[in-house]
Amino acid sequence: MLSLLEPPTAAGSSKLRVQLTYWWRHRRLAQLQKPMLFTEWVQHRKLHDRDPRLPALADKVHAKTFVAKSLGDQWVTPTLWEGTSLPAEPVWDFPYVVKARHGCGQFRVVRTRDDHAEAVEQSQRWMRQSYGAWLDEWLYGEIERGLLVEPYIGEEATLPVDYKIFVFGGQARFIQVHLGRGEDHRWIVFDPDWNRVSPPTDDPDPARPETLGAMLAAAEQLAAGFCFVRADFYEIMGQPRFGELTFYPGSGLEKVEPPRLDLLMGLLWSAALPRWLEPMGLLTA
């Protein structure tokens, strides 16, 4: 990727801060010059990757246009409203979802008028914040701050299962299945053949989604031309639905279990890098 030609440590990023946060969560320093683990590659991307495509693809408004053009309108949840300040009174049928276009994990399901009042206050805080700055997640600071409202696509009080597909070098390798979102949040990792990769838990393996094949193909299409992208999807009433594209999963601070999966993902990321850059010494800080 041309973004790897950026000078070591792009402006505004901090190796010290990245190492401190990595130590805080992993109790070890990240190997930043020659990353081996997936979690280390995420830190490397935060420090060095300034690919101008990243902010637009992480922008929850612009990403919909990209996905609709790439996959078709049926993959995209419609936008009911977008702007910078929610109206004081709800003007949409309950339930609906309020999101920040410039952040990650900034959303609120609104089911009542009281929920809407709380969403107004919460969204005002989102608008005041430059998301990701303290974790050196550069691309979020490049996204125009804003809000959007979407219809709720879950069933009653249950948030839909989230299928997060890890794509390395254009090939879908793992599916992280998120269960109990908003309550007892947990996840299980599978390979594309729906074999569990993560350690055993009390949860039985969830059923393979009927549209998994379509989601895997869509993830590969959206991630073409990148070393690594995580593409998120839902299955709604038997149809696949796009969620978002993520370039810093968990900010590289969540533990990957088992540890060998952290290494395997890191090796896949390394293998996806353009080989012509290696002799030039441009793949390290």
Protein backbone atom coordinates (compact mmCIF):
# COMPACT_ATOMS: atom_id res chain seq x y z
CA MET A 1 0.00 0.00 0.00
CA LEU A 2 1.32 3.44 -0.81
CA SER A 3 0.41 4.57 2.69
CA LEU A 4 3.37 2.56 4.01
CA LEU A 5 5.68 5.06 2.33
CA GLU A 6 4.82 7.62 4.99
CA PRO A 7 7.79 8.72 7.14
CA PRO A 8 8.22 6.89 10.45
CA THR A 9 5.53 7.89 12.92
CA ALA A 10 3.18 10.26 11.14
CA ALA A 11 2.34 13.62 12.68
CA GLY A 12 0.09 13.52 15.71
CA SER A 13 0.82 9.91 16.65
CA SER A 14 2.85 8.87 19.67
CA LYS A 15 4.96 5.73 19.99
CA LEU A 16 5.16 6.26 23.73
CA ARG A 17 1.39 6.49 24.13
CA VAL A 18 0.89 3.44 21.90
CA GLN A 19 3.38 1.43 23.95
CA LEU A 20 1.85 2.52 27.25
CA THR A 21 -1.67 1.53 26.22
CA TYR A 22 -0.39 -1.75 24.78
CA TRP A 23 1.45 -2.52 28.02
CA TRP A 24 -1.67 -1.58 30.01
CA ARG A 25 -3.75 -4.25 28.23
CA HIS A 26 -1.20 -6.92 27.27
CA ARG A 27 1.49 -6.50 29.95
CA ARG A 28 4.23 -6.46 27.33
CA LEU A 29 5.66 -3.96 24.87
CA ALA A 30 4.62 -4.16 21.24
CA GLN A 31 7.20 -5.10 18.65
CA LEU A 32 6.63 -2.10 16.41
CA GLN A 33 9.62 -2.25 14.05
CA LYS A 34 8.92 -5.81 12.95
CA PRO A 35 5.38 -6.67 14.04
CA MET A 36 4.58 -10.35 14.40
CA LEU A 37 1.24 -10.40 16.21
CA PHE A 38 -2.06 -9.10 14.91
CA THR A 39 -2.37 -6.77 17.90
CA GLU A 40 1.09 -5.38 17.07
CA TRP A 41 0.15 -4.79 13.44
CA VAL A 42 -2.83 -2.73 14.59
CA GLN A 43 -0.43 -0.50 16.56
CA HIS A 44 1.84 -0.24 13.52
CA ARG A 45 -1.11 0.87 11.38
CA LYS A 46 -2.09 3.49 13.95
CA LEU A 47 1.41 4.95 13.86
CA HIS A 48 2.22 4.76 10.16
CA ASP A 49 -0.75 4.11 7.88
CA ARG A 50 -2.20 7.33 6.47
CA ASP A 51 -4.00 5.80 3.51
CA PRO A 52 -6.50 8.50 2.44
CA ARG A 53 -9.14 5.84 1.73
CA LEU A 54 -9.47 4.83 5.37
CA PRO A 55 -11.46 7.78 6.78
CA ALA A 56 -14.08 7.65 4.02
CA LEU A 57 -14.59 3.90 4.44
CA ALA A 58 -14.90 4.21 8.23
CA ASP A 59 -17.32 7.15 7.91
CA LYS A 60 -20.75 5.62 8.57
CA VAL A 61 -22.39 7.91 6.01
CA HIS A 62 -19.87 7.62 3.17
CA ALA A 63 -19.42 3.88 3.74
CA LYS A 64 -23.08 3.30 2.85
CA THR A 65 -22.59 4.94 -0.52
CA PHE A 66 -19.50 2.82 -1.16
CA VAL A 67 -21.25 -0.42 -0.16
CA ALA A 68 -24.42 0.35 -2.12
CA LYS A 69 -22.32 1.00 -5.23
CA SER A 70 -20.21 -2.14 -4.65
CA LEU A 71 -22.85 -4.62 -3.49
CA GLY A 72 -26.26 -3.06 -4.11
CA ASP A 73 -28.75 -0.99 -2.11
CA GLN A 74 -30.25 -4.10 -0.48
CA TRP A 75 -27.10 -4.53 1.62
CA VAL A 76 -27.43 -1.13 3.28
CA THR A 77 -29.65 -0.11 6.20
CA PRO A 78 -31.43 3.09 5.09
CA THR A 79 -30.64 6.40 6.77
CA LEU A 80 -33.68 8.17 8.24
CA TRP A 81 -31.79 11.37 9.05
CA GLU A 82 -28.29 12.80 9.24
CA GLY A 83 -27.05 16.05 10.75
CA THR A 84 -25.16 17.50 13.69
CA SER A 85 -27.87 18.02 16.32
CA LEU A 86 -30.77 15.69 17.06
CA PRO A 87 -34.20 17.33 17.27
CA ALA A 88 -35.40 17.77 20.85
CA GLU A 89 -38.50 15.67 20.17
CA PRO A 90 -38.53 12.31 18.34
CA VAL A 91 -39.81 12.51 14.79
CA TRP A 92 -39.33 8.84 13.80
CA ASP A 93 -41.28 5.73 14.68
CA PHE A 94 -39.85 3.77 17.60
CA PRO A 95 -37.53 1.93 17.79
CA TYR A 96 -34.62 3.49 15.94
CA VAL A 97 -30.86 3.81 16.37
CA VAL A 98 -28.80 6.99 16.78
CA LYS A 99 -25.14 6.78 15.75
CA ALA A 100 -22.09 9.01 15.47
CA ARG A 101 -20.69 8.89 11.96
CA HIS A 102 -17.18 9.69 13.17
CA GLY A 103 -16.72 7.17 15.98
CA CYS A 104 -16.80 3.49 16.83
CA GLY A 105 -19.24 1.95 19.31
CA GLN A 106 -21.11 5.25 19.60
CA PHE A 107 -24.73 4.25 19.16
CA ARG A 108 -27.95 4.30 21.13
CA VAL A 109 -31.11 2.25 20.58
CA VAL A 110 -34.11 4.52 21.14
CA ARG A 111 -37.37 2.84 22.15
CA THR A 112 -39.13 5.58 24.14
CA ARG A 113 -39.29 9.37 24.49
CA ASP A 114 -37.06 9.12 27.56
CA ASP A 115 -34.52 7.17 25.49
CA HIS A 116 -34.61 9.95 22.91
CA ALA A 117 -33.94 12.62 25.53
CA GLU A 118 -30.94 10.63 26.75
CA ALA A 119 -29.77 10.13 23.16
CA VAL A 120 -29.86 13.90 22.63
CA GLU A 121 -27.51 14.44 25.59
CA GLN A 122 -25.31 11.52 24.65
CA SER A 123 -25.00 12.61 21.03
CA GLN A 124 -24.01 16.11 22.11
CA ARG A 125 -21.05 14.57 23.95
CA TRP A 126 -20.14 12.59 20.82
CA MET A 127 -20.13 15.80 18.80
CA ARG A 128 -17.75 17.48 21.25
CA GLN A 129 -15.23 14.65 21.11
CA SER A 130 -12.56 13.83 18.57
CA TYR A 131 -12.98 10.08 18.73
CA GLY A 132 -9.88 7.92 18.86
CA ALA A 133 -7.35 10.65 19.61
CA TRP A 134 -6.06 9.22 22.88
CA LEU A 135 -5.56 5.80 21.26
CA ASP A 136 -3.85 7.29 18.17
CA GLU A 137 -6.60 6.07 15.86
CA TRP A 138 -5.80 8.66 13.24
CA LEU A 139 -8.56 8.07 10.72
CA TYR A 140 -11.44 9.02 13.05
CA GLY A 141 -10.09 12.52 13.43
CA GLU A 142 -10.29 12.89 9.63
CA ILE A 143 -14.03 12.10 9.50
CA GLU A 144 -16.53 14.95 9.55
CA ARG A 145 -18.31 14.93 12.89
CA GLY A 146 -21.96 14.13 12.58
CA LEU A 147 -24.92 11.99 13.58
CA LEU A 148 -27.29 9.68 11.77
CA VAL A 149 -30.51 7.86 12.56
CA GLU A 150 -31.40 4.40 11.23
CA PRO A 151 -34.38 2.09 11.71
CA TYR A 152 -33.80 -0.58 14.34
CA ILE A 153 -33.08 -3.90 12.63
CA GLY A 154 -33.08 -6.20 15.67
CA GLU A 155 -35.91 -8.35 16.98
CA GLU A 156 -37.71 -6.80 19.96
CA ALA A 157 -35.15 -6.17 22.73
CA THR A 158 -32.41 -8.36 21.23
CA LEU A 159 -29.64 -6.75 19.20
CA PRO A 160 -28.83 -8.77 16.07
CA VAL A 161 -25.88 -11.15 16.04
CA ASP A 162 -22.86 -9.37 14.60
CA TYR A 163 -20.65 -11.29 12.14
CA LYS A 164 -17.24 -9.60 11.96
CA ILE A 165 -15.19 -10.98 9.09
CA PHE A 166 -11.39 -10.62 9.17
CA VAL A 167 -10.01 -10.24 5.64
CA PHE A 168 -6.26 -10.47 4.99
CA GLY A 169 -4.92 -9.72 1.52
CA GLY A 170 -8.42 -9.92 0.07
CA GLN A 171 -9.22 -13.34 1.57
CA ALA A 172 -11.74 -13.86 4.38
CA ARG A 173 -10.01 -15.92 7.06
CA PHE A 174 -12.02 -15.66 10.29
CA ILE A 175 -15.51 -14.76 11.48
CA GLN A 176 -15.85 -13.27 14.96
CA VAL A 177 -19.44 -13.90 16.05
CA HIS A 178 -20.67 -11.42 18.66
CA LEU A 179 -23.43 -12.63 20.97
CA GLY A 180 -25.38 -10.93 23.77
CA ARG A 181 -24.64 -7.43 22.51
CA GLY A 182 -25.84 -4.80 24.96
CA GLU A 183 -26.13 -7.37 27.77
CA ASP A 184 -23.69 -10.25 28.35
CA HIS A 185 -21.46 -9.38 25.39
CA ARG A 186 -19.12 -12.15 24.26
CA TRP A 187 -17.79 -13.60 21.03
CA ILE A 188 -16.64 -16.81 19.38
CA VAL A 189 -14.23 -17.05 16.44
CA PHE A 190 -14.81 -19.43 13.53
CA ASP A 191 -13.00 -20.20 10.31
CA PRO A 192 -14.84 -19.89 6.97
CA ASP A 193 -15.92 -23.56 7.21
CA TRP A 194 -17.59 -22.74 10.54
CA ASN A 195 -15.10 -24.59 12.71
CA ARG A 196 -14.55 -22.98 16.09
CA VAL A 197 -11.09 -21.42 16.42
CA SER A 198 -11.44 -19.76 19.83
CA PRO A 199 -11.28 -21.77 23.08
CA PRO A 200 -14.28 -23.73 24.38
CA THR A 201 -16.88 -21.75 26.34
CA ASP A 202 -20.23 -22.40 27.98
CA ASP A 203 -21.90 -21.25 24.76
CA PRO A 204 -22.82 -23.90 22.23
CA ASP A 205 -21.68 -23.06 18.73
CA PRO A 206 -24.31 -20.80 17.15
CA ALA A 207 -25.86 -22.00 13.92
CA ARG A 208 -24.00 -21.11 10.75
CA PRO A 209 -25.86 -18.20 9.14
CA GLU A 210 -27.64 -19.15 5.93
CA THR A 211 -26.06 -16.23 4.10
CA LEU A 212 -22.50 -16.79 5.33
CA GLY A 213 -21.24 -17.46 1.82
CA ALA A 214 -22.68 -14.18 0.57
CA MET A 215 -21.20 -12.30 3.53
CA LEU A 216 -17.75 -13.80 2.98
CA ALA A 217 -17.81 -12.88 -0.72
CA ALA A 218 -19.02 -9.37 0.10
CA ALA A 219 -16.30 -8.91 2.73
CA GLU A 220 -13.63 -9.90 0.22
CA GLN A 221 -15.02 -7.53 -2.38
CA LEU A 222 -15.13 -4.59 0.05
CA ALA A 223 -11.64 -5.34 1.41
CA ALA A 224 -9.94 -5.70 -1.98
CA GLY A 225 -6.70 -3.72 -2.16
CA PHE A 226 -6.00 -3.68 1.59
CA CYS A 227 -3.63 -5.75 3.71
CA PHE A 228 -6.30 -6.08 6.38
CA VAL A 229 -9.89 -4.97 6.86
CA ARG A 230 -12.62 -6.21 9.18
CA ALA A 231 -16.02 -6.14 7.49
CA ASP A 232 -19.09 -6.46 9.74
CA PHE A 233 -22.46 -7.89 8.75
CA TYR A 234 -25.83 -8.98 10.13
CA GLU A 235 -28.37 -11.49 8.89
CA ILE A 236 -31.80 -9.85 8.96
CA MET A 237 -34.89 -11.86 8.01
CA GLY A 238 -32.76 -14.24 5.99
CA GLN A 239 -30.89 -11.48 4.17
CA PRO A 240 -27.30 -10.27 4.69
CA ARG A 241 -26.89 -6.67 5.80
CA PHE A 242 -23.73 -4.55 5.96
CA GLY A 243 -22.66 -3.07 9.30
CA GLU A 244 -19.35 -1.23 9.01
CA LEU A 245 -15.70 -1.46 8.00
CA THR A 246 -13.09 -1.41 10.76
CA PHE A 247 -9.35 -0.87 10.47
CA TYR A 248 -8.32 -0.93 14.16
CA PRO A 249 -10.31 -3.82 15.70
CA GLY A 250 -10.42 -3.34 19.45
CA SER A 251 -7.63 -0.80 18.90
CA GLY A 252 -5.34 -3.84 19.04
CA LEU A 253 -5.80 -3.82 22.81
CA GLU A 254 -8.27 -6.67 23.24
CA LYS A 255 -6.61 -10.01 23.95
CA VAL A 256 -6.83 -12.50 21.11
CA GLU A 257 -7.58 -16.00 22.37
CA PRO A 258 -5.93 -18.39 21.98
CA PRO A 259 -2.60 -16.51 21.80
CA ARG A 260 -1.55 -18.52 18.75
CA LEU A 261 -4.46 -16.91 16.89
CA ASP A 262 -2.88 -13.49 17.54
CA LEU A 263 0.29 -14.83 15.89
CA LEU A 264 -1.53 -16.51 13.00
CA MET A 265 -3.45 -13.34 12.21
CA GLY A 266 -0.23 -11.34 12.41
CA LEU A 267 1.48 -13.70 9.98
CA LEU A 268 -1.45 -13.40 7.58
CA TRP A 269 -1.18 -9.60 7.76
CA SER A 270 2.57 -9.81 7.09
CA ALA A 271 2.02 -12.11 4.12
CA ALA A 272 -0.48 -9.66 2.62
CA LEU A 273 2.03 -6.80 2.45
CA PRO A 274 3.34 -5.82 -1.00
CA ARG A 275 6.56 -7.76 -1.51
CA TRP A 276 8.22 -5.03 -3.53
CA LEU A 277 8.36 -2.82 -0.44
CA GLU A 278 10.37 -5.24 1.64
CA PRO A 279 13.81 -4.81 -0.03
CA MET A 280 13.38 -1.04 0.27
CA GLY A 281 13.07 -1.26 4.06
CA LEU A 282 9.75 0.56 4.05
CA LEU A 283 7.69 -1.91 6.05
CA THR A 284 9.10 -0.97 9.44
CA ALA A 285 9.17 2.15 11.55
